[in-house]
Amino acid sequence: MIVRKLEDIIGTENDVDTETWNSRRFLLKKDGMGFSLNDTIIKKGTETMIWYKNHVEAVYCIEGEGEIELADDGTVYPIKAGTMYALDGHEKHYLRATKSDMRMVCVFNPPLTGREVHDEEGVYPLIED
C-alpha cells in the first residue's frame, strides 16, 4: 500500500514548479500502478500551450476557474471546480487560469517518471527508465 501526504511532497524533487504551473507528483512510474497522479496548480493569469503527444491525461478541477482552448479549431471550454476533461486524442491545447489559480488532479498514462516538463512544443517527453 502507498500512502503519501501533500505536505511531504512540497519542496522535494516531486514538487515541480514552473512559471505557469506547479505539479506535486504523488504517483510515478516507479510506483508500478500503470498511471501517474499529480496535484497541480495552474497559476492565475497564465497560459500554457500543451500537447501530450506521448500521453493521455484526465484532469479534474477541484478549485478555481479557467479555460481550455483546442489549438486546432479554437473551441473553448470553461473550467471550474467540478469539471473533468480527458485528452484522449492527444489534443494540442492552451490551458489558462483566468479568475484564480486552478487546482487540478491529473492522471497520466503512460505514467510520468517525475522529471517531465513541457518542451518548446508543449510536449512531455516519453522517458523510458
N, C-alpha and C. Protein backbone atom coordinates (compact mmCIF):
# COMPACT_ATOMS: atom_id res chain seq x y z
N MET A 1 0.84 -1.18 0.00
CA MET A 1 0.00 0.00 0.00
C MET A 1 0.88 1.24 0.00
N ILE A 2 0.45 2.24 -0.74
CA ILE A 2 1.18 3.51 -0.83
C ILE A 2 0.33 4.59 -0.18
N VAL A 3 0.90 5.30 0.76
CA VAL A 3 0.23 6.44 1.39
C VAL A 3 1.18 7.62 1.35
N ARG A 4 0.72 8.72 0.77
CA ARG A 4 1.53 9.94 0.69
C ARG A 4 0.68 11.14 1.05
N LYS A 5 1.32 12.14 1.65
CA LYS A 5 0.64 13.37 2.01
C LYS A 5 1.26 14.53 1.24
N LEU A 6 0.41 15.47 0.82
CA LEU A 6 0.88 16.65 0.10
C LEU A 6 1.99 17.35 0.87
N GLU A 7 1.85 17.47 2.17
CA GLU A 7 2.84 18.17 2.99
C GLU A 7 4.22 17.51 2.91
N ASP A 8 4.26 16.21 2.60
CA ASP A 8 5.54 15.51 2.48
C ASP A 8 6.15 15.62 1.09
N ILE A 9 5.36 16.07 0.10
CA ILE A 9 5.84 16.22 -1.28
C ILE A 9 6.35 17.64 -1.53
N ILE A 10 5.69 18.63 -0.95
CA ILE A 10 6.07 20.03 -1.18
C ILE A 10 7.53 20.24 -0.80
N GLY A 11 8.28 20.84 -1.74
CA GLY A 11 9.69 21.15 -1.51
C GLY A 11 10.65 20.03 -1.83
N THR A 12 10.14 18.89 -2.33
CA THR A 12 11.00 17.76 -2.70
C THR A 12 11.19 17.73 -4.22
N GLU A 13 11.91 16.75 -4.71
CA GLU A 13 12.09 16.59 -6.17
C GLU A 13 10.77 16.27 -6.86
N ASN A 14 9.76 15.82 -6.13
CA ASN A 14 8.45 15.53 -6.71
C ASN A 14 7.53 16.74 -6.71
N ASP A 15 8.05 17.92 -6.40
CA ASP A 15 7.33 19.20 -6.43
C ASP A 15 7.97 20.02 -7.54
N VAL A 16 7.38 19.95 -8.74
CA VAL A 16 7.95 20.61 -9.92
C VAL A 16 7.22 21.93 -10.15
N ASP A 17 7.96 23.03 -10.02
CA ASP A 17 7.38 24.37 -10.09
C ASP A 17 7.93 25.10 -11.31
N THR A 18 7.02 25.63 -12.15
CA THR A 18 7.41 26.41 -13.33
C THR A 18 6.73 27.78 -13.26
N GLU A 19 6.91 28.59 -14.28
CA GLU A 19 6.27 29.92 -14.32
C GLU A 19 4.76 29.84 -14.35
N THR A 20 4.21 28.81 -14.98
CA THR A 20 2.76 28.76 -15.18
C THR A 20 2.05 27.69 -14.37
N TRP A 21 2.77 26.70 -13.86
CA TRP A 21 2.15 25.62 -13.10
C TRP A 21 3.10 25.06 -12.07
N ASN A 22 2.51 24.38 -11.09
CA ASN A 22 3.25 23.71 -10.03
C ASN A 22 2.63 22.32 -9.86
N SER A 23 3.40 21.28 -10.15
CA SER A 23 2.89 19.91 -10.14
C SER A 23 3.51 19.13 -8.99
N ARG A 24 2.65 18.68 -8.09
CA ARG A 24 3.08 17.86 -6.97
C ARG A 24 2.73 16.42 -7.32
N ARG A 25 3.75 15.61 -7.51
CA ARG A 25 3.60 14.29 -8.12
C ARG A 25 3.51 13.20 -7.06
N PHE A 26 2.30 12.66 -6.92
CA PHE A 26 2.00 11.66 -5.89
C PHE A 26 2.39 10.25 -6.30
N LEU A 27 2.01 9.86 -7.51
CA LEU A 27 2.33 8.53 -8.03
C LEU A 27 3.11 8.68 -9.32
N LEU A 28 4.17 7.90 -9.45
CA LEU A 28 5.02 7.94 -10.63
C LEU A 28 5.21 6.53 -11.19
N LYS A 29 5.83 6.46 -12.33
CA LYS A 29 6.07 5.18 -12.99
C LYS A 29 6.70 4.16 -12.05
N LYS A 30 7.67 4.59 -11.25
CA LYS A 30 8.39 3.69 -10.36
C LYS A 30 7.47 3.04 -9.31
N ASP A 31 6.29 3.62 -9.09
CA ASP A 31 5.35 3.05 -8.13
C ASP A 31 4.60 1.84 -8.67
N GLY A 32 4.68 1.61 -10.00
CA GLY A 32 4.13 0.40 -10.60
C GLY A 32 2.61 0.33 -10.69
N MET A 33 1.93 1.46 -10.67
CA MET A 33 0.47 1.46 -10.72
C MET A 33 -0.07 1.48 -12.16
N GLY A 34 0.77 1.77 -13.14
CA GLY A 34 0.31 1.83 -14.53
C GLY A 34 -0.19 3.20 -14.95
N PHE A 35 -0.19 4.15 -14.03
CA PHE A 35 -0.56 5.54 -14.31
C PHE A 35 0.15 6.41 -13.29
N SER A 36 0.18 7.71 -13.54
CA SER A 36 0.72 8.64 -12.53
C SER A 36 -0.38 9.59 -12.11
N LEU A 37 -0.20 10.18 -10.92
CA LEU A 37 -1.21 11.04 -10.32
C LEU A 37 -0.52 12.29 -9.78
N ASN A 38 -1.02 13.46 -10.22
CA ASN A 38 -0.46 14.74 -9.81
C ASN A 38 -1.53 15.64 -9.20
N ASP A 39 -1.12 16.47 -8.27
CA ASP A 39 -1.93 17.57 -7.74
C ASP A 39 -1.26 18.82 -8.29
N THR A 40 -1.92 19.48 -9.24
CA THR A 40 -1.29 20.56 -10.00
C THR A 40 -2.03 21.88 -9.80
N ILE A 41 -1.25 22.94 -9.61
CA ILE A 41 -1.78 24.30 -9.54
C ILE A 41 -1.45 24.99 -10.86
N ILE A 42 -2.48 25.49 -11.54
CA ILE A 42 -2.29 26.33 -12.73
C ILE A 42 -2.39 27.77 -12.21
N LYS A 43 -1.35 28.54 -12.43
CA LYS A 43 -1.25 29.86 -11.81
C LYS A 43 -2.13 30.90 -12.51
N LYS A 44 -2.84 31.68 -11.71
CA LYS A 44 -3.76 32.72 -12.20
C LYS A 44 -3.04 33.65 -13.18
N GLY A 45 -3.76 33.95 -14.27
CA GLY A 45 -3.25 34.88 -15.27
C GLY A 45 -2.25 34.28 -16.24
N THR A 46 -2.07 32.96 -16.21
CA THR A 46 -1.10 32.32 -17.10
C THR A 46 -1.78 31.53 -18.20
N GLU A 47 -1.02 31.29 -19.26
CA GLU A 47 -1.43 30.43 -20.37
C GLU A 47 -0.29 29.47 -20.64
N THR A 48 -0.63 28.19 -20.77
CA THR A 48 0.36 27.18 -21.09
C THR A 48 -0.11 26.43 -22.32
N MET A 49 0.75 26.36 -23.34
CA MET A 49 0.47 25.56 -24.52
C MET A 49 0.94 24.13 -24.22
N ILE A 50 0.03 23.18 -24.40
CA ILE A 50 0.31 21.79 -24.03
C ILE A 50 -0.09 20.86 -25.17
N TRP A 51 0.75 19.87 -25.41
CA TRP A 51 0.44 18.84 -26.40
C TRP A 51 1.01 17.52 -25.88
N TYR A 52 0.17 16.70 -25.31
CA TYR A 52 0.62 15.41 -24.80
C TYR A 52 0.57 14.38 -25.91
N LYS A 53 1.52 14.47 -26.84
CA LYS A 53 1.52 13.53 -27.96
C LYS A 53 1.99 12.14 -27.54
N ASN A 54 2.61 12.02 -26.36
CA ASN A 54 3.10 10.73 -25.86
C ASN A 54 2.25 10.16 -24.72
N HIS A 55 1.26 10.91 -24.27
CA HIS A 55 0.47 10.52 -23.10
C HIS A 55 -1.00 10.85 -23.34
N VAL A 56 -1.88 10.16 -22.62
CA VAL A 56 -3.26 10.61 -22.45
C VAL A 56 -3.37 11.10 -21.02
N GLU A 57 -4.28 12.06 -20.81
CA GLU A 57 -4.41 12.66 -19.49
C GLU A 57 -5.88 12.89 -19.19
N ALA A 58 -6.27 12.63 -17.95
CA ALA A 58 -7.57 13.01 -17.43
C ALA A 58 -7.32 14.02 -16.31
N VAL A 59 -8.14 15.10 -16.30
CA VAL A 59 -7.94 16.19 -15.36
C VAL A 59 -9.27 16.50 -14.68
N TYR A 60 -9.22 16.64 -13.36
CA TYR A 60 -10.40 17.01 -12.59
C TYR A 60 -10.07 18.27 -11.80
N CYS A 61 -10.81 19.34 -12.06
CA CYS A 61 -10.60 20.61 -11.38
C CYS A 61 -11.31 20.57 -10.02
N ILE A 62 -10.57 20.83 -8.95
CA ILE A 62 -11.17 20.82 -7.61
C ILE A 62 -11.24 22.22 -7.00
N GLU A 63 -10.54 23.20 -7.60
CA GLU A 63 -10.60 24.59 -7.13
C GLU A 63 -10.29 25.52 -8.30
N GLY A 64 -10.91 26.71 -8.28
CA GLY A 64 -10.56 27.77 -9.21
C GLY A 64 -11.35 27.77 -10.49
N GLU A 65 -10.95 28.71 -11.38
CA GLU A 65 -11.63 28.87 -12.67
C GLU A 65 -10.63 29.21 -13.77
N GLY A 66 -10.96 28.73 -14.95
CA GLY A 66 -10.14 29.00 -16.12
C GLY A 66 -10.79 28.43 -17.36
N GLU A 67 -9.95 28.07 -18.34
CA GLU A 67 -10.47 27.52 -19.58
C GLU A 67 -9.41 26.72 -20.30
N ILE A 68 -9.90 25.85 -21.19
CA ILE A 68 -9.03 25.11 -22.09
C ILE A 68 -9.49 25.44 -23.51
N GLU A 69 -8.54 25.76 -24.38
CA GLU A 69 -8.83 26.08 -25.78
C GLU A 69 -8.11 25.07 -26.67
N LEU A 70 -8.86 24.41 -27.56
CA LEU A 70 -8.26 23.48 -28.50
C LEU A 70 -7.54 24.26 -29.59
N ALA A 71 -6.29 23.93 -29.84
CA ALA A 71 -5.48 24.67 -30.80
C ALA A 71 -5.95 24.48 -32.24
N ASP A 72 -6.50 23.31 -32.56
CA ASP A 72 -6.85 23.04 -33.96
C ASP A 72 -8.09 23.78 -34.44
N ASP A 73 -9.07 24.03 -33.54
CA ASP A 73 -10.29 24.69 -34.02
C ASP A 73 -10.75 25.87 -33.16
N GLY A 74 -10.02 26.17 -32.08
CA GLY A 74 -10.36 27.32 -31.26
C GLY A 74 -11.51 27.12 -30.29
N THR A 75 -12.03 25.90 -30.20
CA THR A 75 -13.11 25.64 -29.25
C THR A 75 -12.60 25.88 -27.83
N VAL A 76 -13.39 26.63 -27.04
CA VAL A 76 -13.02 26.95 -25.66
C VAL A 76 -14.02 26.30 -24.71
N TYR A 77 -13.50 25.63 -23.71
CA TYR A 77 -14.32 25.01 -22.68
C TYR A 77 -14.00 25.68 -21.35
N PRO A 78 -15.01 26.23 -20.68
CA PRO A 78 -14.76 26.80 -19.35
C PRO A 78 -14.47 25.68 -18.35
N ILE A 79 -13.61 25.99 -17.40
CA ILE A 79 -13.26 25.04 -16.36
C ILE A 79 -13.50 25.70 -15.01
N LYS A 80 -14.14 24.98 -14.12
CA LYS A 80 -14.30 25.42 -12.73
C LYS A 80 -14.34 24.17 -11.87
N ALA A 81 -14.34 24.35 -10.56
CA ALA A 81 -14.40 23.21 -9.66
C ALA A 81 -15.56 22.30 -10.04
N GLY A 82 -15.27 21.01 -10.14
CA GLY A 82 -16.28 20.03 -10.54
C GLY A 82 -16.23 19.66 -12.01
N THR A 83 -15.33 20.28 -12.79
CA THR A 83 -15.20 19.98 -14.23
C THR A 83 -14.08 18.97 -14.44
N MET A 84 -14.35 17.96 -15.28
CA MET A 84 -13.35 17.00 -15.69
C MET A 84 -13.20 17.08 -17.20
N TYR A 85 -11.97 16.97 -17.69
CA TYR A 85 -11.76 16.79 -19.13
C TYR A 85 -10.69 15.72 -19.33
N ALA A 86 -10.80 15.01 -20.46
CA ALA A 86 -9.86 13.94 -20.78
C ALA A 86 -9.30 14.20 -22.17
N LEU A 87 -7.99 14.22 -22.26
CA LEU A 87 -7.30 14.42 -23.53
C LEU A 87 -6.99 13.05 -24.13
N ASP A 88 -8.05 12.42 -24.65
CA ASP A 88 -7.92 11.06 -25.17
C ASP A 88 -7.44 11.01 -26.61
N GLY A 89 -7.37 12.16 -27.27
CA GLY A 89 -6.93 12.23 -28.66
C GLY A 89 -5.65 13.02 -28.84
N HIS A 90 -4.87 13.17 -27.77
CA HIS A 90 -3.60 13.90 -27.83
C HIS A 90 -3.80 15.33 -28.34
N GLU A 91 -4.89 15.97 -27.91
CA GLU A 91 -5.23 17.31 -28.39
C GLU A 91 -4.22 18.36 -27.94
N LYS A 92 -3.73 19.13 -28.90
CA LYS A 92 -2.89 20.29 -28.58
C LYS A 92 -3.85 21.37 -28.07
N HIS A 93 -3.47 22.01 -26.95
CA HIS A 93 -4.41 22.95 -26.33
C HIS A 93 -3.68 24.03 -25.53
N TYR A 94 -4.44 25.05 -25.18
CA TYR A 94 -3.97 26.11 -24.31
C TYR A 94 -4.76 26.01 -23.02
N LEU A 95 -4.06 26.00 -21.90
CA LEU A 95 -4.70 25.94 -20.60
C LEU A 95 -4.47 27.28 -19.90
N ARG A 96 -5.57 27.91 -19.48
CA ARG A 96 -5.50 29.23 -18.87
C ARG A 96 -6.22 29.23 -17.52
N ALA A 97 -5.57 29.82 -16.52
CA ALA A 97 -6.23 30.10 -15.25
C ALA A 97 -6.62 31.57 -15.32
N THR A 98 -7.90 31.86 -15.34
CA THR A 98 -8.36 33.22 -15.61
C THR A 98 -8.70 33.99 -14.34
N LYS A 99 -9.66 33.54 -13.59
CA LYS A 99 -10.14 34.29 -12.44
C LYS A 99 -9.38 33.99 -11.16
N SER A 100 -8.71 32.86 -11.12
CA SER A 100 -7.98 32.45 -9.92
C SER A 100 -7.04 31.32 -10.30
N ASP A 101 -6.17 30.93 -9.37
CA ASP A 101 -5.43 29.69 -9.57
C ASP A 101 -6.44 28.56 -9.75
N MET A 102 -6.04 27.55 -10.50
CA MET A 102 -6.85 26.34 -10.60
C MET A 102 -6.06 25.20 -9.98
N ARG A 103 -6.73 24.41 -9.18
CA ARG A 103 -6.11 23.21 -8.62
C ARG A 103 -6.72 22.01 -9.31
N MET A 104 -5.84 21.20 -9.89
CA MET A 104 -6.25 20.09 -10.74
C MET A 104 -5.66 18.77 -10.24
N VAL A 105 -6.45 17.72 -10.32
CA VAL A 105 -5.96 16.36 -10.09
C VAL A 105 -5.77 15.75 -11.48
N CYS A 106 -4.54 15.35 -11.79
CA CYS A 106 -4.19 14.90 -13.15
C CYS A 106 -3.70 13.46 -13.13
N VAL A 107 -4.23 12.65 -14.05
CA VAL A 107 -3.82 11.26 -14.19
C VAL A 107 -3.24 11.07 -15.58
N PHE A 108 -2.06 10.47 -15.67
CA PHE A 108 -1.37 10.26 -16.95
C PHE A 108 -1.15 8.78 -17.21
N ASN A 109 -1.28 8.42 -18.51
CA ASN A 109 -0.90 7.11 -19.00
C ASN A 109 -0.21 7.31 -20.34
N PRO A 110 0.98 6.76 -20.58
CA PRO A 110 1.79 6.06 -19.60
C PRO A 110 2.19 6.98 -18.45
N PRO A 111 2.55 6.38 -17.33
CA PRO A 111 2.86 7.18 -16.15
C PRO A 111 4.11 8.04 -16.34
N LEU A 112 4.12 9.17 -15.66
CA LEU A 112 5.29 10.05 -15.66
C LEU A 112 6.37 9.47 -14.75
N THR A 113 7.61 9.80 -15.06
CA THR A 113 8.73 9.37 -14.20
C THR A 113 8.98 10.39 -13.10
N GLY A 114 8.50 11.62 -13.30
CA GLY A 114 8.69 12.67 -12.31
C GLY A 114 9.60 13.78 -12.79
N ARG A 115 10.34 13.55 -13.86
CA ARG A 115 11.29 14.55 -14.37
C ARG A 115 10.72 15.39 -15.51
N GLU A 116 9.53 15.08 -15.99
CA GLU A 116 8.99 15.73 -17.17
C GLU A 116 8.62 17.19 -16.93
N VAL A 117 8.96 18.02 -17.92
CA VAL A 117 8.44 19.38 -18.07
C VAL A 117 8.16 19.55 -19.56
N HIS A 118 7.29 20.51 -19.91
CA HIS A 118 6.92 20.71 -21.31
C HIS A 118 8.11 21.24 -22.10
N ASP A 119 8.29 20.69 -23.31
CA ASP A 119 9.33 21.22 -24.20
C ASP A 119 8.75 22.39 -25.01
N GLU A 120 9.48 22.86 -26.01
CA GLU A 120 9.05 24.02 -26.80
C GLU A 120 7.76 23.80 -27.57
N GLU A 121 7.38 22.53 -27.79
CA GLU A 121 6.11 22.22 -28.45
C GLU A 121 4.98 21.96 -27.45
N GLY A 122 5.30 22.04 -26.16
CA GLY A 122 4.30 21.75 -25.13
C GLY A 122 4.20 20.27 -24.79
N VAL A 123 5.19 19.49 -25.20
CA VAL A 123 5.17 18.03 -25.08
C VAL A 123 5.95 17.59 -23.84
N TYR A 124 5.42 16.59 -23.13
CA TYR A 124 6.20 15.85 -22.15
C TYR A 124 6.92 14.74 -22.92
N PRO A 125 8.23 14.61 -22.80
CA PRO A 125 8.91 13.51 -23.49
C PRO A 125 8.49 12.18 -22.87
N LEU A 126 8.59 11.13 -23.67
CA LEU A 126 8.34 9.78 -23.16
C LEU A 126 9.67 9.27 -22.65
N ILE A 127 9.81 9.23 -21.33
CA ILE A 127 11.07 8.82 -20.70
C ILE A 127 10.94 7.36 -20.30
N GLU A 128 11.82 6.54 -20.84
CA GLU A 128 11.84 5.12 -20.53
C GLU A 128 12.99 4.86 -19.57
N ASP A 129 12.68 4.41 -18.38
CA ASP A 129 13.72 4.08 -17.39
C ASP A 129 13.95 2.59 -17.37
